[in-house]
Amino acid sequence: MGEFSVWHWMIVLMVVLLIFGGSRVSSVMGDVAKGIREFKKNLAEPTDDDADKEAPRDEPKQLPSKRRAADSTEEEKTTARRT
């Protein structure tokens, strides 16, 4: 008495089709299928957070050392010539 047979489910399906119409049910099922595909696609692709956790970090980059005074004077000369 507590179980539904195949005939019960077919009657429920017919009532749903009569209430909502075939095109409405079809579009809802299409949207559900797209959602499932996106979910599976996102599960398969690693995110940026996962990539950071898995990849070893490189040593921090060193800041460039101060330029020599001779370099800065040459740069000043070339900029003065341009103007």
PDB file of N, CA and C in Angstrom:
ATOM      1  N   MET A   1       0.809  -1.195   0.000  1.00  0.00           N
ATOM      2  CA  MET A   1       0.000   0.000   0.000  1.00  0.00           C
ATOM      3  C   MET A   1       0.857   1.266   0.000  1.00  0.00           C
ATOM      4  N   GLY A   2       2.068   1.204   0.597  1.00  0.00           N
ATOM      5  CA  GLY A   2       2.925   2.377   0.664  1.00  0.00           C
ATOM      6  C   GLY A   2       3.785   2.549  -0.574  1.00  0.00           C
ATOM      7  N   GLU A   3       3.810   1.590  -1.479  1.00  0.00           N
ATOM      8  CA  GLU A   3       4.660   1.679  -2.656  1.00  0.00           C
ATOM      9  C   GLU A   3       3.846   2.132  -3.863  1.00  0.00           C
ATOM     10  N   PHE A   4       4.530   2.876  -4.747  1.00  0.00           N
ATOM     11  CA  PHE A   4       3.894   3.291  -5.987  1.00  0.00           C
ATOM     12  C   PHE A   4       4.333   2.353  -7.102  1.00  0.00           C
ATOM     13  N   SER A   5       3.389   1.948  -7.894  1.00  0.00           N
ATOM     14  CA  SER A   5       3.728   1.090  -9.030  1.00  0.00           C
ATOM     15  C   SER A   5       4.030   1.971 -10.247  1.00  0.00           C
ATOM     16  N   VAL A   6       4.407   1.336 -11.333  1.00  0.00           N
ATOM     17  CA  VAL A   6       4.695   2.054 -12.562  1.00  0.00           C
ATOM     18  C   VAL A   6       3.452   2.808 -13.037  1.00  0.00           C
ATOM     19  N   TRP A   7       2.286   2.230 -12.861  1.00  0.00           N
ATOM     20  CA  TRP A   7       1.040   2.869 -13.299  1.00  0.00           C
ATOM     21  C   TRP A   7       0.761   4.133 -12.505  1.00  0.00           C
ATOM     22  N   HIS A   8       1.079   4.145 -11.237  1.00  0.00           N
ATOM     23  CA  HIS A   8       0.888   5.360 -10.443  1.00  0.00           C
ATOM     24  C   HIS A   8       1.768   6.495 -10.979  1.00  0.00           C
ATOM     25  N   TRP A   9       3.038   6.168 -11.263  1.00  0.00           N
ATOM     26  CA  TRP A   9       3.957   7.181 -11.774  1.00  0.00           C
ATOM     27  C   TRP A   9       3.537   7.678 -13.153  1.00  0.00           C
ATOM     28  N   MET A  10       2.982   6.801 -13.980  1.00  0.00           N
ATOM     29  CA  MET A  10       2.501   7.225 -15.305  1.00  0.00           C
ATOM     30  C   MET A  10       1.323   8.173 -15.169  1.00  0.00           C
ATOM     31  N   ILE A  11       0.444   7.926 -14.230  1.00  0.00           N
ATOM     32  CA  ILE A  11      -0.696   8.825 -14.010  1.00  0.00           C
ATOM     33  C   ILE A  11      -0.204  10.184 -13.506  1.00  0.00           C
ATOM     34  N   VAL A  12       0.753  10.176 -12.579  1.00  0.00           N
ATOM     35  CA  VAL A  12       1.307  11.434 -12.075  1.00  0.00           C
ATOM     36  C   VAL A  12       1.967  12.211 -13.218  1.00  0.00           C
ATOM     37  N   LEU A  13       2.705  11.517 -14.084  1.00  0.00           N
ATOM     38  CA  LEU A  13       3.342  12.160 -15.224  1.00  0.00           C
ATOM     39  C   LEU A  13       2.313  12.767 -16.163  1.00  0.00           C
ATOM     40  N   MET A  14       1.224  12.056 -16.417  1.00  0.00           N
ATOM     41  CA  MET A  14       0.161  12.579 -17.297  1.00  0.00           C
ATOM     42  C   MET A  14      -0.473  13.830 -16.694  1.00  0.00           C
ATOM     43  N   VAL A  15      -0.695  13.839 -15.396  1.00  0.00           N
ATOM     44  CA  VAL A  15      -1.296  15.006 -14.739  1.00  0.00           C
ATOM     45  C   VAL A  15      -0.351  16.200 -14.833  1.00  0.00           C
ATOM     46  N   VAL A  16       0.951  15.950 -14.602  1.00  0.00           N
ATOM     47  CA  VAL A  16       1.924  17.035 -14.695  1.00  0.00           C
ATOM     48  C   VAL A  16       1.963  17.592 -16.108  1.00  0.00           C
ATOM     49  N   LEU A  17       1.942  16.716 -17.117  1.00  0.00           N
ATOM     50  CA  LEU A  17       1.935  17.179 -18.504  1.00  0.00           C
ATOM     51  C   LEU A  17       0.684  17.978 -18.820  1.00  0.00           C
ATOM     52  N   LEU A  18      -0.444  17.563 -18.294  1.00  0.00           N
ATOM     53  CA  LEU A  18      -1.684  18.313 -18.534  1.00  0.00           C
ATOM     54  C   LEU A  18      -1.654  19.686 -17.865  1.00  0.00           C
ATOM     55  N   ILE A  19      -1.084  19.754 -16.681  1.00  0.00           N
ATOM     56  CA  ILE A  19      -1.069  21.027 -15.950  1.00  0.00           C
ATOM     57  C   ILE A  19      -0.065  22.005 -16.564  1.00  0.00           C
ATOM     58  N   PHE A  20       1.163  21.543 -16.784  1.00  0.00           N
ATOM     59  CA  PHE A  20       2.218  22.444 -17.228  1.00  0.00           C
ATOM     60  C   PHE A  20       2.423  22.469 -18.730  1.00  0.00           C
ATOM     61  N   GLY A  21       1.989  21.484 -19.432  1.00  0.00           N
ATOM     62  CA  GLY A  21       2.205  21.413 -20.871  1.00  0.00           C
ATOM     63  C   GLY A  21       3.554  20.795 -21.197  1.00  0.00           C
ATOM     64  N   GLY A  22       3.646  20.185 -22.360  1.00  0.00           N
ATOM     65  CA  GLY A  22       4.860  19.464 -22.750  1.00  0.00           C
ATOM     66  C   GLY A  22       6.063  20.349 -22.951  1.00  0.00           C
ATOM     67  N   SER A  23       5.861  21.540 -23.520  1.00  0.00           N
ATOM     68  CA  SER A  23       7.009  22.409 -23.793  1.00  0.00           C
ATOM     69  C   SER A  23       7.611  22.950 -22.503  1.00  0.00           C
ATOM     70  N   ARG A  24       6.773  23.231 -21.537  1.00  0.00           N
ATOM     71  CA  ARG A  24       7.273  23.752 -20.247  1.00  0.00           C
ATOM     72  C   ARG A  24       8.105  22.699 -19.529  1.00  0.00           C
ATOM     73  N   VAL A  25       7.638  21.471 -19.508  1.00  0.00           N
ATOM     74  CA  VAL A  25       8.367  20.386 -18.857  1.00  0.00           C
ATOM     75  C   VAL A  25       9.674  20.126 -19.610  1.00  0.00           C
ATOM     76  N   SER A  26       9.633  20.172 -20.923  1.00  0.00           N
ATOM     77  CA  SER A  26      10.819  19.957 -21.734  1.00  0.00           C
ATOM     78  C   SER A  26      11.880  21.013 -21.463  1.00  0.00           C
ATOM     79  N   SER A  27      11.469  22.278 -21.363  1.00  0.00           N
ATOM     80  CA  SER A  27      12.444  23.342 -21.108  1.00  0.00           C
ATOM     81  C   SER A  27      13.027  23.237 -19.706  1.00  0.00           C
ATOM     82  N   VAL A  28      12.223  22.844 -18.737  1.00  0.00           N
ATOM     83  CA  VAL A  28      12.727  22.667 -17.369  1.00  0.00           C
ATOM     84  C   VAL A  28      13.741  21.531 -17.329  1.00  0.00           C
ATOM     85  N   MET A  29      13.455  20.430 -18.004  1.00  0.00           N
ATOM     86  CA  MET A  29      14.384  19.298 -18.023  1.00  0.00           C
ATOM     87  C   MET A  29      15.668  19.664 -18.761  1.00  0.00           C
ATOM     88  N   GLY A  30      15.565  20.482 -19.803  1.00  0.00           N
ATOM     89  CA  GLY A  30      16.763  20.953 -20.507  1.00  0.00           C
ATOM     90  C   GLY A  30      17.631  21.813 -19.607  1.00  0.00           C
ATOM     91  N   ASP A  31      16.997  22.681 -18.815  1.00  0.00           N
ATOM     92  CA  ASP A  31      17.743  23.514 -17.881  1.00  0.00           C
ATOM     93  C   ASP A  31      18.420  22.673 -16.808  1.00  0.00           C
ATOM     94  N   VAL A  32      17.734  21.641 -16.343  1.00  0.00           N
ATOM     95  CA  VAL A  32      18.325  20.741 -15.352  1.00  0.00           C
ATOM     96  C   VAL A  32      19.537  20.035 -15.945  1.00  0.00           C
ATOM     97  N   ALA A  33      19.427  19.586 -17.186  1.00  0.00           N
ATOM     98  CA  ALA A  33      20.536  18.900 -17.848  1.00  0.00           C
ATOM     99  C   ALA A  33      21.734  19.839 -18.017  1.00  0.00           C
ATOM    100  N   LYS A  34      21.487  21.104 -18.375  1.00  0.00           N
ATOM    101  CA  LYS A  34      22.581  22.070 -18.501  1.00  0.00           C
ATOM    102  C   LYS A  34      23.266  22.292 -17.159  1.00  0.00           C
ATOM    103  N   GLY A  35      22.475  22.362 -16.112  1.00  0.00           N
ATOM    104  CA  GLY A  35      23.043  22.542 -14.776  1.00  0.00           C
ATOM    105  C   GLY A  35      23.921  21.375 -14.372  1.00  0.00           C
ATOM    106  N   ILE A  36      23.482  20.166 -14.683  1.00  0.00           N
ATOM    107  CA  ILE A  36      24.273  18.977 -14.358  1.00  0.00           C
ATOM    108  C   ILE A  36      25.576  18.975 -15.146  1.00  0.00           C
ATOM    109  N   ARG A  37      25.521  19.348 -16.436  1.00  0.00           N
ATOM    110  CA  ARG A  37      26.742  19.398 -17.247  1.00  0.00           C
ATOM    111  C   ARG A  37      27.729  20.429 -16.713  1.00  0.00           C
ATOM    112  N   GLU A  38      27.237  21.610 -16.337  1.00  0.00           N
ATOM    113  CA  GLU A  38      28.110  22.635 -15.776  1.00  0.00           C
ATOM    114  C   GLU A  38      28.734  22.159 -14.466  1.00  0.00           C
ATOM    115  N   PHE A  39      27.944  21.480 -13.646  1.00  0.00           N
ATOM    116  CA  PHE A  39      28.444  20.967 -12.378  1.00  0.00           C
ATOM    117  C   PHE A  39      29.570  19.965 -12.610  1.00  0.00           C
ATOM    118  N   LYS A  40      29.371  19.040 -13.542  1.00  0.00           N
ATOM    119  CA  LYS A  40      30.397  18.044 -13.841  1.00  0.00           C
ATOM    120  C   LYS A  40      31.641  18.704 -14.426  1.00  0.00           C
ATOM    121  N   LYS A  41      31.433  19.704 -15.281  1.00  0.00           N
ATOM    122  CA  LYS A  41      32.559  20.406 -15.901  1.00  0.00           C
ATOM    123  C   LYS A  41      33.387  21.121 -14.836  1.00  0.00           C
ATOM    124  N   ASN A  42      32.731  21.766 -13.887  1.00  0.00           N
ATOM    125  CA  ASN A  42      33.440  22.476 -12.833  1.00  0.00           C
ATOM    126  C   ASN A  42      34.137  21.525 -11.874  1.00  0.00           C
ATOM    127  N   LEU A  43      33.600  20.336 -11.700  1.00  0.00           N
ATOM    128  CA  LEU A  43      34.277  19.352 -10.857  1.00  0.00           C
ATOM    129  C   LEU A  43      35.552  18.862 -11.516  1.00  0.00           C
ATOM    130  N   ALA A  44      35.545  18.762 -12.840  1.00  0.00           N
ATOM    131  CA  ALA A  44      36.699  18.248 -13.565  1.00  0.00           C
ATOM    132  C   ALA A  44      37.814  19.280 -13.681  1.00  0.00           C
ATOM    133  N   GLU A  45      37.486  20.559 -13.749  1.00  0.00           N
ATOM    134  CA  GLU A  45      38.484  21.608 -13.911  1.00  0.00           C
ATOM    135  C   GLU A  45      39.000  22.059 -12.548  1.00  0.00           C
ATOM    136  N   PRO A  46      40.333  22.122 -12.391  1.00  0.00           N
ATOM    137  CA  PRO A  46      40.861  22.641 -11.123  1.00  0.00           C
ATOM    138  C   PRO A  46      40.683  24.151 -11.068  1.00  0.00           C
ATOM    139  N   THR A  47      40.413  24.654  -9.911  1.00  0.00           N
ATOM    140  CA  THR A  47      40.253  26.099  -9.744  1.00  0.00           C
ATOM    141  C   THR A  47      41.610  26.719  -9.467  1.00  0.00           C
ATOM    142  N   ASP A  48      41.672  28.033  -9.428  1.00  0.00           N
ATOM    143  CA  ASP A  48      42.922  28.730  -9.142  1.00  0.00           C
ATOM    144  C   ASP A  48      43.400  28.401  -7.732  1.00  0.00           C
ATOM    145  N   ASP A  49      42.469  28.266  -6.784  1.00  0.00           N
ATOM    146  CA  ASP A  49      42.844  27.946  -5.411  1.00  0.00           C
ATOM    147  C   ASP A  49      43.497  26.568  -5.342  1.00  0.00           C
ATOM    148  N   ASP A  50      42.941  25.598  -6.068  1.00  0.00           N
ATOM    149  CA  ASP A  50      43.504  24.253  -6.077  1.00  0.00           C
ATOM    150  C   ASP A  50      44.880  24.246  -6.711  1.00  0.00           C
ATOM    151  N   ALA A  51      45.065  25.024  -7.767  1.00  0.00           N
ATOM    152  CA  ALA A  51      46.348  25.068  -8.450  1.00  0.00           C
ATOM    153  C   ALA A  51      47.421  25.658  -7.540  1.00  0.00           C
ATOM    154  N   ASP A  52      47.051  26.664  -6.729  1.00  0.00           N
ATOM    155  CA  ASP A  52      48.013  27.263  -5.812  1.00  0.00           C
ATOM    156  C   ASP A  52      48.425  26.276  -4.732  1.00  0.00           C
ATOM    157  N   LYS A  53      47.498  25.466  -4.280  1.00  0.00           N
ATOM    158  CA  LYS A  53      47.799  24.503  -3.227  1.00  0.00           C
ATOM    159  C   LYS A  53      48.687  23.388  -3.739  1.00  0.00           C
ATOM    160  N   GLU A  54      48.473  22.943  -4.972  1.00  0.00           N
ATOM    161  CA  GLU A  54      49.208  21.818  -5.508  1.00  0.00           C
ATOM    162  C   GLU A  54      50.582  22.207  -6.028  1.00  0.00           C
ATOM    163  N   ALA A  55      50.697  23.366  -6.632  1.00  0.00           N
ATOM    164  CA  ALA A  55      51.957  23.774  -7.253  1.00  0.00           C
ATOM    165  C   ALA A  55      52.916  24.284  -6.182  1.00  0.00           C
ATOM    166  N   PRO A  56      54.164  23.872  -6.253  1.00  0.00           N
ATOM    167  CA  PRO A  56      55.126  24.416  -5.289  1.00  0.00           C
ATOM    168  C   PRO A  56      55.385  25.881  -5.593  1.00  0.00           C
ATOM    169  N   ARG A  57      55.559  26.609  -4.563  1.00  0.00           N
ATOM    170  CA  ARG A  57      55.778  28.045  -4.738  1.00  0.00           C
ATOM    171  C   ARG A  57      57.236  28.308  -5.066  1.00  0.00           C
ATOM    172  N   ASP A  58      57.445  29.230  -5.973  1.00  0.00           N
ATOM    173  CA  ASP A  58      58.801  29.640  -6.315  1.00  0.00           C
ATOM    174  C   ASP A  58      59.338  30.530  -5.213  1.00  0.00           C
ATOM    175  N   GLU A  59      60.643  30.669  -5.208  1.00  0.00           N
ATOM    176  CA  GLU A  59      61.237  31.567  -4.238  1.00  0.00           C
ATOM    177  C   GLU A  59      60.796  32.986  -4.547  1.00  0.00           C
ATOM    178  N   PRO A  60      60.634  33.803  -3.519  1.00  0.00           N
ATOM    179  CA  PRO A  60      60.189  35.175  -3.792  1.00  0.00           C
ATOM    180  C   PRO A  60      61.213  35.909  -4.635  1.00  0.00           C
ATOM    181  N   LYS A  61      60.708  36.728  -5.513  1.00  0.00           N
ATOM    182  CA  LYS A  61      61.584  37.495  -6.396  1.00  0.00           C
ATOM    183  C   LYS A  61      62.282  38.582  -5.591  1.00  0.00           C
ATOM    184  N   GLN A  62      63.527  38.770  -5.905  1.00  0.00           N
ATOM    185  CA  GLN A  62      64.280  39.808  -5.229  1.00  0.00           C
ATOM    186  C   GLN A  62      63.991  41.145  -5.893  1.00  0.00           C
ATOM    187  N   LEU A  63      63.956  42.150  -5.077  1.00  0.00           N
ATOM    188  CA  LEU A  63      63.749  43.484  -5.610  1.00  0.00           C
ATOM    189  C   LEU A  63      65.005  43.901  -6.349  1.00  0.00           C
ATOM    190  N   PRO A  64      64.850  44.669  -7.419  1.00  0.00           N
ATOM    191  CA  PRO A  64      66.047  45.095  -8.152  1.00  0.00           C
ATOM    192  C   PRO A  64      66.924  45.966  -7.265  1.00  0.00           C
ATOM    193  N   SER A  65      68.203  45.756  -7.377  1.00  0.00           N
ATOM    194  CA  SER A  65      69.133  46.542  -6.566  1.00  0.00           C
ATOM    195  C   SER A  65      69.176  47.977  -7.104  1.00  0.00           C
ATOM    196  N   LYS A  66      69.647  48.848  -6.277  1.00  0.00           N
ATOM    197  CA  LYS A  66      69.728  50.251  -6.699  1.00  0.00           C
ATOM    198  C   LYS A  66      70.723  50.366  -7.837  1.00  0.00           C
ATOM    199  N   ARG A  67      70.353  51.175  -8.792  1.00  0.00           N
ATOM    200  CA  ARG A  67      71.233  51.355  -9.943  1.00  0.00           C
ATOM    201  C   ARG A  67      72.452  52.161  -9.542  1.00  0.00           C
ATOM    202  N   ARG A  68      73.476  51.904 -10.266  1.00  0.00           N
ATOM    203  CA  ARG A  68      74.688  52.680 -10.010  1.00  0.00           C
ATOM    204  C   ARG A  68      74.459  54.134 -10.412  1.00  0.00           C
ATOM    205  N   ALA A  69      75.226  54.990  -9.848  1.00  0.00           N
ATOM    206  CA  ALA A  69      75.097  56.421 -10.147  1.00  0.00           C
ATOM    207  C   ALA A  69      75.427  56.703 -11.596  1.00  0.00           C
ATOM    208  N   ALA A  70      76.355  55.945 -12.169  1.00  0.00           N
ATOM    209  CA  ALA A  70      76.742  56.164 -13.568  1.00  0.00           C
ATOM    210  C   ALA A  70      75.574  55.864 -14.496  1.00  0.00           C
ATOM    211  N   ASP A  71      74.796  54.810 -14.185  1.00  0.00           N
ATOM    212  CA  ASP A  71      73.652  54.471 -15.021  1.00  0.00           C
ATOM    213  C   ASP A  71      72.611  55.569 -14.999  1.00  0.00           C
ATOM    214  N   SER A  72      72.367  56.119 -13.822  1.00  0.00           N
ATOM    215  CA  SER A  72      71.336  57.151 -13.731  1.00  0.00           C
ATOM    216  C   SER A  72      71.753  58.410 -14.463  1.00  0.00           C
ATOM    217  N   THR A  73      73.019  58.729 -14.435  1.00  0.00           N
ATOM    218  CA  THR A  73      73.448  59.939 -15.143  1.00  0.00           C
ATOM    219  C   THR A  73      73.353  59.740 -16.650  1.00  0.00           C
ATOM    220  N   GLU A  74      73.638  58.531 -17.142  1.00  0.00           N
ATOM    221  CA  GLU A  74      73.502  58.269 -18.570  1.00  0.00           C
ATOM    222  C   GLU A  74      72.038  58.356 -18.987  1.00  0.00           C
ATOM    223  N   GLU A  75      71.165  57.869 -18.128  1.00  0.00           N
ATOM    224  CA  GLU A  75      69.741  57.929 -18.445  1.00  0.00           C
ATOM    225  C   GLU A  75      69.263  59.384 -18.467  1.00  0.00           C
ATOM    226  N   GLU A  76      69.754  60.174 -17.549  1.00  0.00           N
ATOM    227  CA  GLU A  76      69.368  61.582 -17.511  1.00  0.00           C
ATOM    228  C   GLU A  76      69.857  62.303 -18.760  1.00  0.00           C
ATOM    229  N   LYS A  77      71.034  61.936 -19.244  1.00  0.00           N
ATOM    230  CA  LYS A  77      71.568  62.555 -20.445  1.00  0.00           C
ATOM    231  C   LYS A  77      70.714  62.217 -21.667  1.00  0.00           C
ATOM    232  N   THR A  78      70.285  60.951 -21.776  1.00  0.00           N
ATOM    233  CA  THR A  78      69.496  60.562 -22.934  1.00  0.00           C
ATOM    234  C   THR A  78      68.122  61.198 -22.907  1.00  0.00           C
ATOM    235  N   THR A  79      67.544  61.340 -21.738  1.00  0.00           N
ATOM    236  CA  THR A  79      66.229  61.991 -21.661  1.00  0.00           C
ATOM    237  C   THR A  79      66.361  63.488 -21.951  1.00  0.00           C
ATOM    238  N   ALA A  80      67.495  64.076 -21.544  1.00  0.00           N
ATOM    239  CA  ALA A  80      67.701  65.500 -21.821  1.00  0.00           C
ATOM    240  C   ALA A  80      67.866  65.722 -23.314  1.00  0.00           C
ATOM    241  N   ARG A  81      68.485  64.803 -24.010  1.00  0.00           N
ATOM    242  CA  ARG A  81      68.673  64.929 -25.444  1.00  0.00           C
ATOM    243  C   ARG A  81      67.355  64.830 -26.203  1.00  0.00           C
ATOM    244  N   ARG A  82      66.476  64.003 -25.702  1.00  0.00           N
ATOM    245  CA  ARG A  82      65.172  63.790 -26.358  1.00  0.00           C
ATOM    246  C   ARG A  82      64.303  65.025 -26.295  1.00  0.00           C
ATOM    247  N   THR A  83      64.442  65.797 -25.252  1.00  0.00           N
ATOM    248  CA  THR A  83      63.567  66.952 -25.074  1.00  0.00           C
ATOM    249  C   THR A  83      64.057  68.165 -25.776  1.00  0.00           C
TER     250      THR A  83
END
